Amino acid sequence: MVRSALKAKSCFLAITLLALVAGGSLIASAFERDSLVDLEKLTKKCIGIKKPNECRAALSFAEVLQLQAASRGNYACQSRLLGLEADLILIPLKAVRDQIVLKMLKEVEMFCDGT
């Protein structure tokens, strides 16, 4: 059941990413605002639980947003998302402090909002 939910979410993200890359700036900006809220929730869940599966969901979501930022030429946003992705990989290994991840998340919100 969990796998089917993750698969459905992955399909939704892929379809949404394709729609955004193809155009639709009004839809794209609304998607990004909602996406940043979703990314924050997933990241905080990863920080709280520190389990690979929880962090993998946040990592996958951040990767979709990172590709979207790159396709739009928002390299400041893209680089922060890549940094957050690195932190999300390190969380289950307990190799990064929570405050560092939260600081990177704030930078993502600052540089990626409304692009």
PDB file of N, CA and C in Angstrom:
ATOM      1  N   MET A   1       0.819  -1.191   0.000  1.00  0.00           N
ATOM      2  CA  MET A   1       0.000   0.000   0.000  1.00  0.00           C
ATOM      3  C   MET A   1       0.863   1.255   0.000  1.00  0.00           C
ATOM      4  N   VAL A   2       1.928   1.266   0.817  1.00  0.00           N
ATOM      5  CA  VAL A   2       2.824   2.410   0.872  1.00  0.00           C
ATOM      6  C   VAL A   2       3.521   2.597  -0.480  1.00  0.00           C
ATOM      7  N   ARG A   3       3.937   1.479  -1.073  1.00  0.00           N
ATOM      8  CA  ARG A   3       4.605   1.564  -2.374  1.00  0.00           C
ATOM      9  C   ARG A   3       3.701   2.160  -3.430  1.00  0.00           C
ATOM     10  N   SER A   4       2.429   1.755  -3.452  1.00  0.00           N
ATOM     11  CA  SER A   4       1.505   2.282  -4.455  1.00  0.00           C
ATOM     12  C   SER A   4       1.271   3.768  -4.238  1.00  0.00           C
ATOM     13  N   ALA A   5       1.237   4.213  -2.981  1.00  0.00           N
ATOM     14  CA  ALA A   5       1.074   5.640  -2.700  1.00  0.00           C
ATOM     15  C   ALA A   5       2.291   6.420  -3.167  1.00  0.00           C
ATOM     16  N   LEU A   6       3.480   5.882  -2.908  1.00  0.00           N
ATOM     17  CA  LEU A   6       4.705   6.559  -3.362  1.00  0.00           C
ATOM     18  C   LEU A   6       4.790   6.573  -4.885  1.00  0.00           C
ATOM     19  N   LYS A   7       4.376   5.464  -5.509  1.00  0.00           N
ATOM     20  CA  LYS A   7       4.391   5.395  -6.964  1.00  0.00           C
ATOM     21  C   LYS A   7       3.423   6.409  -7.556  1.00  0.00           C
ATOM     22  N   ALA A   8       2.248   6.538  -6.968  1.00  0.00           N
ATOM     23  CA  ALA A   8       1.256   7.507  -7.444  1.00  0.00           C
ATOM     24  C   ALA A   8       1.784   8.926  -7.281  1.00  0.00           C
ATOM     25  N   LYS A   9       2.435   9.206  -6.147  1.00  0.00           N
ATOM     26  CA  LYS A   9       2.993  10.536  -5.924  1.00  0.00           C
ATOM     27  C   LYS A   9       4.120  10.821  -6.914  1.00  0.00           C
ATOM     28  N   SER A  10       4.949   9.829  -7.188  1.00  0.00           N
ATOM     29  CA  SER A  10       6.033  10.002  -8.152  1.00  0.00           C
ATOM     30  C   SER A  10       5.487  10.283  -9.546  1.00  0.00           C
ATOM     31  N   CYS A  11       4.440   9.565  -9.925  1.00  0.00           N
ATOM     32  CA  CYS A  11       3.810   9.801 -11.236  1.00  0.00           C
ATOM     33  C   CYS A  11       3.237  11.202 -11.300  1.00  0.00           C
ATOM     34  N   PHE A  12       2.572  11.628 -10.220  1.00  0.00           N
ATOM     35  CA  PHE A  12       2.013  12.972 -10.177  1.00  0.00           C
ATOM     36  C   PHE A  12       3.109  14.018 -10.328  1.00  0.00           C
ATOM     37  N   LEU A  13       4.215  13.832  -9.606  1.00  0.00           N
ATOM     38  CA  LEU A  13       5.319  14.787  -9.687  1.00  0.00           C
ATOM     39  C   LEU A  13       5.921  14.819 -11.094  1.00  0.00           C
ATOM     40  N   ALA A  14       6.070  13.670 -11.710  1.00  0.00           N
ATOM     41  CA  ALA A  14       6.629  13.620 -13.058  1.00  0.00           C
ATOM     42  C   ALA A  14       5.720  14.323 -14.056  1.00  0.00           C
ATOM     43  N   ILE A  15       4.424  14.080 -13.967  1.00  0.00           N
ATOM     44  CA  ILE A  15       3.466  14.726 -14.875  1.00  0.00           C
ATOM     45  C   ILE A  15       3.456  16.226 -14.638  1.00  0.00           C
ATOM     46  N   THR A  16       3.475  16.624 -13.381  1.00  0.00           N
ATOM     47  CA  THR A  16       3.487  18.040 -13.061  1.00  0.00           C
ATOM     48  C   THR A  16       4.758  18.699 -13.572  1.00  0.00           C
ATOM     49  N   LEU A  17       5.886  18.033 -13.409  1.00  0.00           N
ATOM     50  CA  LEU A  17       7.148  18.570 -13.894  1.00  0.00           C
ATOM     51  C   LEU A  17       7.117  18.753 -15.408  1.00  0.00           C
ATOM     52  N   LEU A  18       6.595  17.772 -16.111  1.00  0.00           N
ATOM     53  CA  LEU A  18       6.486  17.893 -17.567  1.00  0.00           C
ATOM     54  C   LEU A  18       5.595  19.063 -17.964  1.00  0.00           C
ATOM     55  N   ALA A  19       4.502  19.244 -17.260  1.00  0.00           N
ATOM     56  CA  ALA A  19       3.598  20.356 -17.558  1.00  0.00           C
ATOM     57  C   ALA A  19       4.280  21.691 -17.305  1.00  0.00           C
ATOM     58  N   LEU A  20       5.077  21.757 -16.264  1.00  0.00           N
ATOM     59  CA  LEU A  20       5.757  23.006 -15.941  1.00  0.00           C
ATOM     60  C   LEU A  20       6.859  23.328 -16.937  1.00  0.00           C
ATOM     61  N   VAL A  21       7.584  22.321 -17.348  1.00  0.00           N
ATOM     62  CA  VAL A  21       8.657  22.529 -18.318  1.00  0.00           C
ATOM     63  C   VAL A  21       8.069  22.966 -19.665  1.00  0.00           C
ATOM     64  N   ALA A  22       6.906  22.433 -19.999  1.00  0.00           N
ATOM     65  CA  ALA A  22       6.265  22.752 -21.273  1.00  0.00           C
ATOM     66  C   ALA A  22       5.699  24.163 -21.302  1.00  0.00           C
ATOM     67  N   GLY A  23       5.491  24.783 -20.170  1.00  0.00           N
ATOM     68  CA  GLY A  23       4.948  26.141 -20.150  1.00  0.00           C
ATOM     69  C   GLY A  23       4.051  26.338 -18.959  1.00  0.00           C
ATOM     70  N   GLY A  24       3.142  27.314 -19.055  1.00  0.00           N
ATOM     71  CA  GLY A  24       2.168  27.550 -17.996  1.00  0.00           C
ATOM     72  C   GLY A  24       2.752  28.247 -16.793  1.00  0.00           C
ATOM     73  N   SER A  25       3.192  29.498 -16.954  1.00  0.00           N
ATOM     74  CA  SER A  25       3.848  30.199 -15.856  1.00  0.00           C
ATOM     75  C   SER A  25       2.912  30.460 -14.684  1.00  0.00           C
ATOM     76  N   LEU A  26       1.623  30.692 -14.927  1.00  0.00           N
ATOM     77  CA  LEU A  26       0.690  30.919 -13.837  1.00  0.00           C
ATOM     78  C   LEU A  26       0.554  29.651 -13.002  1.00  0.00           C
ATOM     79  N   ILE A  27       0.416  28.534 -13.656  1.00  0.00           N
ATOM     80  CA  ILE A  27       0.326  27.255 -12.952  1.00  0.00           C
ATOM     81  C   ILE A  27       1.637  26.978 -12.236  1.00  0.00           C
ATOM     82  N   ALA A  28       2.743  27.302 -12.883  1.00  0.00           N
ATOM     83  CA  ALA A  28       4.055  27.014 -12.313  1.00  0.00           C
ATOM     84  C   ALA A  28       4.273  27.754 -11.003  1.00  0.00           C
ATOM     85  N   SER A  29       3.937  29.046 -10.940  1.00  0.00           N
ATOM     86  CA  SER A  29       4.194  29.788  -9.710  1.00  0.00           C
ATOM     87  C   SER A  29       3.309  29.293  -8.577  1.00  0.00           C
ATOM     88  N   ALA A  30       2.063  28.923  -8.884  1.00  0.00           N
ATOM     89  CA  ALA A  30       1.187  28.362  -7.857  1.00  0.00           C
ATOM     90  C   ALA A  30       1.730  27.023  -7.387  1.00  0.00           C
ATOM     91  N   PHE A  31       2.214  26.225  -8.324  1.00  0.00           N
ATOM     92  CA  PHE A  31       2.781  24.912  -7.983  1.00  0.00           C
ATOM     93  C   PHE A  31       3.977  25.079  -7.071  1.00  0.00           C
ATOM     94  N   GLU A  32       4.839  26.035  -7.376  1.00  0.00           N
ATOM     95  CA  GLU A  32       6.039  26.204  -6.567  1.00  0.00           C
ATOM     96  C   GLU A  32       5.733  26.630  -5.147  1.00  0.00           C
ATOM     97  N   ARG A  33       4.771  27.547  -4.975  1.00  0.00           N
ATOM     98  CA  ARG A  33       4.432  27.952  -3.603  1.00  0.00           C
ATOM     99  C   ARG A  33       3.962  26.741  -2.809  1.00  0.00           C
ATOM    100  N   ASP A  34       3.068  25.964  -3.394  1.00  0.00           N
ATOM    101  CA  ASP A  34       2.583  24.766  -2.727  1.00  0.00           C
ATOM    102  C   ASP A  34       3.714  23.759  -2.544  1.00  0.00           C
ATOM    103  N   SER A  35       4.576  23.660  -3.527  1.00  0.00           N
ATOM    104  CA  SER A  35       5.675  22.704  -3.468  1.00  0.00           C
ATOM    105  C   SER A  35       6.649  23.037  -2.352  1.00  0.00           C
ATOM    106  N   LEU A  36       6.917  24.304  -2.142  1.00  0.00           N
ATOM    107  CA  LEU A  36       7.834  24.681  -1.068  1.00  0.00           C
ATOM    108  C   LEU A  36       7.254  24.330   0.296  1.00  0.00           C
ATOM    109  N   VAL A  37       5.949  24.481   0.439  1.00  0.00           N
ATOM    110  CA  VAL A  37       5.289  24.080   1.687  1.00  0.00           C
ATOM    111  C   VAL A  37       5.411  22.566   1.866  1.00  0.00           C
ATOM    112  N   ASP A  38       5.164  21.820   0.792  1.00  0.00           N
ATOM    113  CA  ASP A  38       5.287  20.361   0.847  1.00  0.00           C
ATOM    114  C   ASP A  38       6.718  19.935   1.139  1.00  0.00           C
ATOM    115  N   LEU A  39       7.671  20.608   0.505  1.00  0.00           N
ATOM    116  CA  LEU A  39       9.079  20.283   0.743  1.00  0.00           C
ATOM    117  C   LEU A  39       9.452  20.530   2.196  1.00  0.00           C
ATOM    118  N   GLU A  40       8.963  21.618   2.759  1.00  0.00           N
ATOM    119  CA  GLU A  40       9.241  21.920   4.163  1.00  0.00           C
ATOM    120  C   GLU A  40       8.674  20.819   5.075  1.00  0.00           C
ATOM    121  N   LYS A  41       7.450  20.398   4.808  1.00  0.00           N
ATOM    122  CA  LYS A  41       6.838  19.337   5.625  1.00  0.00           C
ATOM    123  C   LYS A  41       7.636  18.041   5.539  1.00  0.00           C
ATOM    124  N   LEU A  42       8.013  17.654   4.306  1.00  0.00           N
ATOM    125  CA  LEU A  42       8.768  16.413   4.122  1.00  0.00           C
ATOM    126  C   LEU A  42      10.141  16.495   4.785  1.00  0.00           C
ATOM    127  N   THR A  43      10.786  17.651   4.663  1.00  0.00           N
ATOM    128  CA  THR A  43      12.112  17.831   5.258  1.00  0.00           C
ATOM    129  C   THR A  43      12.043  17.764   6.779  1.00  0.00           C
ATOM    130  N   LYS A  44      11.057  18.421   7.351  1.00  0.00           N
ATOM    131  CA  LYS A  44      10.923  18.401   8.814  1.00  0.00           C
ATOM    132  C   LYS A  44      10.567  17.006   9.322  1.00  0.00           C
ATOM    133  N   LYS A  45       9.797  16.268   8.537  1.00  0.00           N
ATOM    134  CA  LYS A  45       9.491  14.880   8.914  1.00  0.00           C
ATOM    135  C   LYS A  45      10.767  14.039   8.885  1.00  0.00           C
ATOM    136  N   CYS A  46      11.597  14.262   7.875  1.00  0.00           N
ATOM    137  CA  CYS A  46      12.879  13.568   7.770  1.00  0.00           C
ATOM    138  C   CYS A  46      13.759  13.894   8.971  1.00  0.00           C
ATOM    139  N   ILE A  47      13.817  15.168   9.338  1.00  0.00           N
ATOM    140  CA  ILE A  47      14.625  15.588  10.490  1.00  0.00           C
ATOM    141  C   ILE A  47      14.119  14.924  11.770  1.00  0.00           C
ATOM    142  N   GLY A  48      12.800  14.870  11.912  1.00  0.00           N
ATOM    143  CA  GLY A  48      12.214  14.322  13.132  1.00  0.00           C
ATOM    144  C   GLY A  48      12.387  12.820  13.268  1.00  0.00           C
ATOM    145  N   ILE A  49      12.226  12.102  12.171  1.00  0.00           N
ATOM    146  CA  ILE A  49      12.246  10.635  12.217  1.00  0.00           C
ATOM    147  C   ILE A  49      13.634  10.062  11.936  1.00  0.00           C
ATOM    148  N   LYS A  50      14.367  10.726  11.054  1.00  0.00           N
ATOM    149  CA  LYS A  50      15.736  10.322  10.687  1.00  0.00           C
ATOM    150  C   LYS A  50      15.822   8.896  10.127  1.00  0.00           C
ATOM    151  N   LYS A  51      14.819   8.513   9.364  1.00  0.00           N
ATOM    152  CA  LYS A  51      14.798   7.198   8.717  1.00  0.00           C
ATOM    153  C   LYS A  51      14.986   7.383   7.218  1.00  0.00           C
ATOM    154  N   PRO A  52      15.731   6.486   6.575  1.00  0.00           N
ATOM    155  CA  PRO A  52      16.004   6.625   5.138  1.00  0.00           C
ATOM    156  C   PRO A  52      14.757   6.768   4.269  1.00  0.00           C
ATOM    157  N   ASN A  53      13.689   6.025   4.562  1.00  0.00           N
ATOM    158  CA  ASN A  53      12.495   6.120   3.717  1.00  0.00           C
ATOM    159  C   ASN A  53      11.843   7.492   3.782  1.00  0.00           C
ATOM    160  N   GLU A  54      11.783   8.069   4.973  1.00  0.00           N
ATOM    161  CA  GLU A  54      11.201   9.415   5.121  1.00  0.00           C
ATOM    162  C   GLU A  54      12.066  10.439   4.399  1.00  0.00           C
ATOM    163  N   CYS A  55      13.366  10.305   4.525  1.00  0.00           N
ATOM    164  CA  CYS A  55      14.280  11.248   3.888  1.00  0.00           C
ATOM    165  C   CYS A  55      14.298  11.057   2.373  1.00  0.00           C
ATOM    166  N   ARG A  56      14.087   9.850   1.918  1.00  0.00           N
ATOM    167  CA  ARG A  56      14.050   9.573   0.481  1.00  0.00           C
ATOM    168  C   ARG A  56      12.883  10.308  -0.177  1.00  0.00           C
ATOM    169  N   ALA A  57      11.750  10.383   0.504  1.00  0.00           N
ATOM    170  CA  ALA A  57      10.596  11.102  -0.036  1.00  0.00           C
ATOM    171  C   ALA A  57      10.924  12.586  -0.187  1.00  0.00           C
ATOM    172  N   ALA A  58      11.543  13.169   0.821  1.00  0.00           N
ATOM    173  CA  ALA A  58      11.940  14.578   0.751  1.00  0.00           C
ATOM    174  C   ALA A  58      13.000  14.788  -0.332  1.00  0.00           C
ATOM    175  N   LEU A  59      13.931  13.864  -0.419  1.00  0.00           N
ATOM    176  CA  LEU A  59      14.992  13.938  -1.424  1.00  0.00           C
ATOM    177  C   LEU A  59      14.416  13.885  -2.838  1.00  0.00           C
ATOM    178  N   SER A  60      13.495  12.979  -3.078  1.00  0.00           N
ATOM    179  CA  SER A  60      12.876  12.861  -4.401  1.00  0.00           C
ATOM    180  C   SER A  60      12.115  14.125  -4.768  1.00  0.00           C
ATOM    181  N   PHE A  61      11.417  14.673  -3.801  1.00  0.00           N
ATOM    182  CA  PHE A  61      10.644  15.889  -4.047  1.00  0.00           C
ATOM    183  C   PHE A  61      11.580  17.063  -4.341  1.00  0.00           C
ATOM    184  N   ALA A  62      12.658  17.178  -3.571  1.00  0.00           N
ATOM    185  CA  ALA A  62      13.632  18.245  -3.794  1.00  0.00           C
ATOM    186  C   ALA A  62      14.280  18.107  -5.174  1.00  0.00           C
ATOM    187  N   GLU A  63      14.501  16.884  -5.613  1.00  0.00           N
ATOM    188  CA  GLU A  63      15.105  16.654  -6.931  1.00  0.00           C
ATOM    189  C   GLU A  63      14.193  17.160  -8.045  1.00  0.00           C
ATOM    190  N   VAL A  64      12.897  16.916  -7.922  1.00  0.00           N
ATOM    191  CA  VAL A  64      11.950  17.422  -8.928  1.00  0.00           C
ATOM    192  C   VAL A  64      11.996  18.945  -8.974  1.00  0.00           C
ATOM    193  N   LEU A  65      11.996  19.572  -7.805  1.00  0.00           N
ATOM    194  CA  LEU A  65      12.051  21.039  -7.761  1.00  0.00           C
ATOM    195  C   LEU A  65      13.382  21.562  -8.305  1.00  0.00           C
ATOM    196  N   GLN A  66      14.457  20.837  -8.032  1.00  0.00           N
ATOM    197  CA  GLN A  66      15.780  21.231  -8.522  1.00  0.00           C
ATOM    198  C   GLN A  66      15.814  21.202 -10.038  1.00  0.00           C
ATOM    199  N   LEU A  67      15.247  20.181 -10.636  1.00  0.00           N
ATOM    200  CA  LEU A  67      15.200  20.099 -12.105  1.00  0.00           C
ATOM    201  C   LEU A  67      14.340  21.207 -12.686  1.00  0.00           C
ATOM    202  N   GLN A  68      13.266  21.521 -11.998  1.00  0.00           N
ATOM    203  CA  GLN A  68      12.395  22.616 -12.437  1.00  0.00           C
ATOM    204  C   GLN A  68      13.148  23.943 -12.388  1.00  0.00           C
ATOM    205  N   ALA A  69      13.861  24.190 -11.307  1.00  0.00           N
ATOM    206  CA  ALA A  69      14.628  25.434 -11.176  1.00  0.00           C
ATOM    207  C   ALA A  69      15.685  25.528 -12.275  1.00  0.00           C
ATOM    208  N   ALA A  70      16.337  24.422 -12.562  1.00  0.00           N
ATOM    209  CA  ALA A  70      17.360  24.411 -13.613  1.00  0.00           C
ATOM    210  C   ALA A  70      16.740  24.714 -14.973  1.00  0.00           C
ATOM    211  N   SER A  71      15.574  24.146 -15.240  1.00  0.00           N
ATOM    212  CA  SER A  71      14.941  24.375 -16.544  1.00  0.00           C
ATOM    213  C   SER A  71      14.525  25.829 -16.720  1.00  0.00           C
ATOM    214  N   ARG A  72      14.340  26.524 -15.634  1.00  0.00           N
ATOM    215  CA  ARG A  72      13.963  27.940 -15.695  1.00  0.00           C
ATOM    216  C   ARG A  72      15.161  28.874 -15.602  1.00  0.00           C
ATOM    217  N   GLY A  73      16.314  28.309 -15.390  1.00  0.00           N
ATOM    218  CA  GLY A  73      17.510  29.142 -15.285  1.00  0.00           C
ATOM    219  C   GLY A  73      17.661  29.815 -13.932  1.00  0.00           C
ATOM    220  N   ASN A  74      16.928  29.353 -12.928  1.00  0.00           N
ATOM    221  CA  ASN A  74      17.060  29.908 -11.584  1.00  0.00           C
ATOM    222  C   ASN A  74      18.139  29.110 -10.851  1.00  0.00           C
ATOM    223  N   TYR A  75      19.388  29.477 -11.143  1.00  0.00           N
ATOM    224  CA  TYR A  75      20.507  28.694 -10.636  1.00  0.00           C
ATOM    225  C   TYR A  75      20.766  28.918  -9.148  1.00  0.00           C
ATOM    226  N   ALA A  76      20.362  30.067  -8.622  1.00  0.00           N
ATOM    227  CA  ALA A  76      20.492  30.298  -7.181  1.00  0.00           C
ATOM    228  C   ALA A  76      19.575  29.343  -6.422  1.00  0.00           C
ATOM    229  N   CYS A  77      18.364  29.186  -6.913  1.00  0.00           N
ATOM    230  CA  CYS A  77      17.417  28.238  -6.328  1.00  0.00           C
ATOM    231  C   CYS A  77      17.934  26.807  -6.496  1.00  0.00           C
ATOM    232  N   GLN A  78      18.367  26.494  -7.689  1.00  0.00           N
ATOM    233  CA  GLN A  78      18.852  25.141  -7.978  1.00  0.00           C
ATOM    234  C   GLN A  78      19.997  24.754  -7.050  1.00  0.00           C
ATOM    235  N   SER A  79      20.943  25.652  -6.852  1.00  0.00           N
ATOM    236  CA  SER A  79      22.098  25.307  -6.020  1.00  0.00           C
ATOM    237  C   SER A  79      21.696  25.092  -4.563  1.00  0.00           C
ATOM    238  N   ARG A  80      20.720  25.875  -4.075  1.00  0.00           N
ATOM    239  CA  ARG A  80      20.249  25.659  -2.703  1.00  0.00           C
ATOM    240  C   ARG A  80      19.521  24.320  -2.572  1.00  0.00           C
ATOM    241  N   LEU A  81      18.745  23.977  -3.589  1.00  0.00           N
ATOM    242  CA  LEU A  81      18.063  22.678  -3.565  1.00  0.00           C
ATOM    243  C   LEU A  81      19.065  21.530  -3.594  1.00  0.00           C
ATOM    244  N   LEU A  82      20.128  21.673  -4.363  1.00  0.00           N
ATOM    245  CA  LEU A  82      21.171  20.642  -4.370  1.00  0.00           C
ATOM    246  C   LEU A  82      21.826  20.517  -2.988  1.00  0.00           C
ATOM    247  N   GLY A  83      22.042  21.662  -2.336  1.00  0.00           N
ATOM    248  CA  GLY A  83      22.589  21.637  -0.980  1.00  0.00           C
ATOM    249  C   GLY A  83      21.645  20.951  -0.004  1.00  0.00           C
ATOM    250  N   LEU A  84      20.348  21.246  -0.142  1.00  0.00           N
ATOM    251  CA  LEU A  84      19.365  20.593   0.710  1.00  0.00           C
ATOM    252  C   LEU A  84      19.337  19.090   0.447  1.00  0.00           C
ATOM    253  N   GLU A  85      19.438  18.703  -0.827  1.00  0.00           N
ATOM    254  CA  GLU A  85      19.472  17.279  -1.161  1.00  0.00           C
ATOM    255  C   GLU A  85      20.650  16.586  -0.475  1.00  0.00           C
ATOM    256  N   ALA A  86      21.803  17.232  -0.480  1.00  0.00           N
ATOM    257  CA  ALA A  86      22.978  16.652   0.195  1.00  0.00           C
ATOM    258  C   ALA A  86      22.698  16.487   1.687  1.00  0.00           C
ATOM    259  N   ASP A  87      22.083  17.493   2.291  1.00  0.00           N
ATOM    260  CA  ASP A  87      21.744  17.405   3.711  1.00  0.00           C
ATOM    261  C   ASP A  87      20.753  16.275   3.976  1.00  0.00           C
ATOM    262  N   LEU A  88      19.769  16.111   3.092  1.00  0.00           N
ATOM    263  CA  LEU A  88      18.765  15.056   3.272  1.00  0.00           C
ATOM    264  C   LEU A  88      19.389  13.666   3.207  1.00  0.00           C
ATOM    265  N   ILE A  89      20.437  13.533   2.422  1.00  0.00           N
ATOM    266  CA  ILE A  89      21.159  12.254   2.360  1.00  0.00           C
ATOM    267  C   ILE A  89      21.895  11.994   3.675  1.00  0.00           C
ATOM    268  N   LEU A  90      22.411  13.060   4.280  1.00  0.00           N
ATOM    269  CA  LEU A  90      23.216  12.924   5.498  1.00  0.00           C
ATOM    270  C   LEU A  90      22.387  12.755   6.769  1.00  0.00           C
ATOM    271  N   ILE A  91      21.128  13.162   6.765  1.00  0.00           N
ATOM    272  CA  ILE A  91      20.309  13.119   7.982  1.00  0.00           C
ATOM    273  C   ILE A  91      20.219  11.712   8.578  1.00  0.00           C
ATOM    274  N   PRO A  92      19.836  10.686   7.802  1.00  0.00           N
ATOM    275  CA  PRO A  92      19.746   9.352   8.416  1.00  0.00           C
ATOM    276  C   PRO A  92      21.086   8.832   8.943  1.00  0.00           C
ATOM    277  N   LEU A  93      22.169   9.365   8.415  1.00  0.00           N
ATOM    278  CA  LEU A  93      23.503   8.960   8.864  1.00  0.00           C
ATOM    279  C   LEU A  93      23.940   9.741  10.106  1.00  0.00           C
ATOM    280  N   LYS A  94      23.101  10.696  10.509  1.00  0.00           N
ATOM    281  CA  LYS A  94      23.392  11.578  11.640  1.00  0.00           C
ATOM    282  C   LYS A  94      24.708  12.321  11.439  1.00  0.00           C
ATOM    283  N   ALA A  95      24.935  12.717  10.177  1.00  0.00           N
ATOM    284  CA  ALA A  95      26.181  13.394   9.824  1.00  0.00           C
ATOM    285  C   ALA A  95      25.978  14.886   9.565  1.00  0.00           C
ATOM    286  N   VAL A  96      24.788  15.400   9.909  1.00  0.00           N
ATOM    287  CA  VAL A  96      24.519  16.831   9.741  1.00  0.00           C
ATOM    288  C   VAL A  96      23.588  17.264  10.872  1.00  0.00           C
ATOM    289  N   ARG A  97      23.820  18.475  11.377  1.00  0.00           N
ATOM    290  CA  ARG A  97      22.983  18.990  12.461  1.00  0.00           C
ATOM    291  C   ARG A  97      21.656  19.506  11.906  1.00  0.00           C
ATOM    292  N   ASP A  98      20.605  19.343  12.672  1.00  0.00           N
ATOM    293  CA  ASP A  98      19.271  19.779  12.256  1.00  0.00           C
ATOM    294  C   ASP A  98      19.241  21.267  11.907  1.00  0.00           C
ATOM    295  N   GLN A  99      19.970  22.072  12.674  1.00  0.00           N
ATOM    296  CA  GLN A  99      19.971  23.519  12.438  1.00  0.00           C
ATOM    297  C   GLN A  99      20.538  23.864  11.063  1.00  0.00           C
ATOM    298  N   ILE A 100      21.510  23.114  10.614  1.00  0.00           N
ATOM    299  CA  ILE A 100      22.104  23.340   9.289  1.00  0.00           C
ATOM    300  C   ILE A 100      21.067  23.067   8.208  1.00  0.00           C
ATOM    301  N   VAL A 101      20.313  21.984   8.374  1.00  0.00           N
ATOM    302  CA  VAL A 101      19.293  21.619   7.393  1.00  0.00           C
ATOM    303  C   VAL A 101      18.193  22.673   7.373  1.00  0.00           C
ATOM    304  N   LEU A 102      17.768  23.123   8.532  1.00  0.00           N
ATOM    305  CA  LEU A 102      16.711  24.139   8.600  1.00  0.00           C
ATOM    306  C   LEU A 102      17.171  25.461   7.995  1.00  0.00           C
ATOM    307  N   LYS A 103      18.451  25.787   8.188  1.00  0.00           N
ATOM    308  CA  LYS A 103      18.996  27.004   7.574  1.00  0.00           C
ATOM    309  C   LYS A 103      18.977  26.878   6.054  1.00  0.00           C
ATOM    310  N   MET A 104      19.348  25.733   5.528  1.00  0.00           N
ATOM    311  CA  MET A 104      19.328  25.514   4.084  1.00  0.00           C
ATOM    312  C   MET A 104      17.889  25.560   3.558  1.00  0.00           C
ATOM    313  N   LEU A 105      16.966  25.014   4.314  1.00  0.00           N
ATOM    314  CA  LEU A 105      15.559  25.042   3.924  1.00  0.00           C
ATOM    315  C   LEU A 105      15.063  26.486   3.818  1.00  0.00           C
ATOM    316  N   LYS A 106      15.467  27.340   4.754  1.00  0.00           N
ATOM    317  CA  LYS A 106      15.096  28.764   4.693  1.00  0.00           C
ATOM    318  C   LYS A 106      15.685  29.429   3.447  1.00  0.00           C
ATOM    319  N   GLU A 107      16.919  29.073   3.110  1.00  0.00           N
ATOM    320  CA  GLU A 107      17.530  29.624   1.906  1.00  0.00           C
ATOM    321  C   GLU A 107      16.785  29.159   0.646  1.00  0.00           C
ATOM    322  N   VAL A 108      16.365  27.907   0.634  1.00  0.00           N
ATOM    323  CA  VAL A 108      15.571  27.399  -0.484  1.00  0.00           C
ATOM    324  C   VAL A 108      14.298  28.224  -0.623  1.00  0.00           C
ATOM    325  N   GLU A 109      13.626  28.445   0.495  1.00  0.00           N
ATOM    326  CA  GLU A 109      12.386  29.224   0.459  1.00  0.00           C
ATOM    327  C   GLU A 109      12.643  30.649  -0.041  1.00  0.00           C
ATOM    328  N   MET A 110      13.757  31.236   0.371  1.00  0.00           N
ATOM    329  CA  MET A 110      14.072  32.606  -0.018  1.00  0.00           C
ATOM    330  C   MET A 110      14.412  32.706  -1.509  1.00  0.00           C
ATOM    331  N   PHE A 111      15.214  31.781  -2.031  1.00  0.00           N
ATOM    332  CA  PHE A 111      15.682  31.867  -3.403  1.00  0.00           C
ATOM    333  C   PHE A 111      14.752  31.215  -4.412  1.00  0.00           C
ATOM    334  N   CYS A 112      13.843  30.362  -3.948  1.00  0.00           N
ATOM    335  CA  CYS A 112      12.974  29.627  -4.881  1.00  0.00           C
ATOM    336  C   CYS A 112      11.549  30.147  -4.900  1.00  0.00           C
ATOM    337  N   ASP A 113      11.163  30.966  -3.977  1.00  0.00           N
ATOM    338  CA  ASP A 113       9.783  31.436  -3.903  1.00  0.00           C
ATOM    339  C   ASP A 113       9.455  32.356  -5.072  1.00  0.00           C
ATOM    340  N   GLY A 114       8.395  31.997  -5.806  1.00  0.00           N
ATOM    341  CA  GLY A 114       7.891  32.839  -6.873  1.00  0.00           C
ATOM    342  C   GLY A 114       8.700  32.834  -8.152  1.00  0.00           C
ATOM    343  N   THR A 115       9.505  31.803  -8.362  1.00  0.00           N
ATOM    344  CA  THR A 115      10.294  31.753  -9.589  1.00  0.00           C
ATOM    345  C   THR A 115       9.534  31.067 -10.687  1.00  0.00           C
TER     346      THR A 115
END
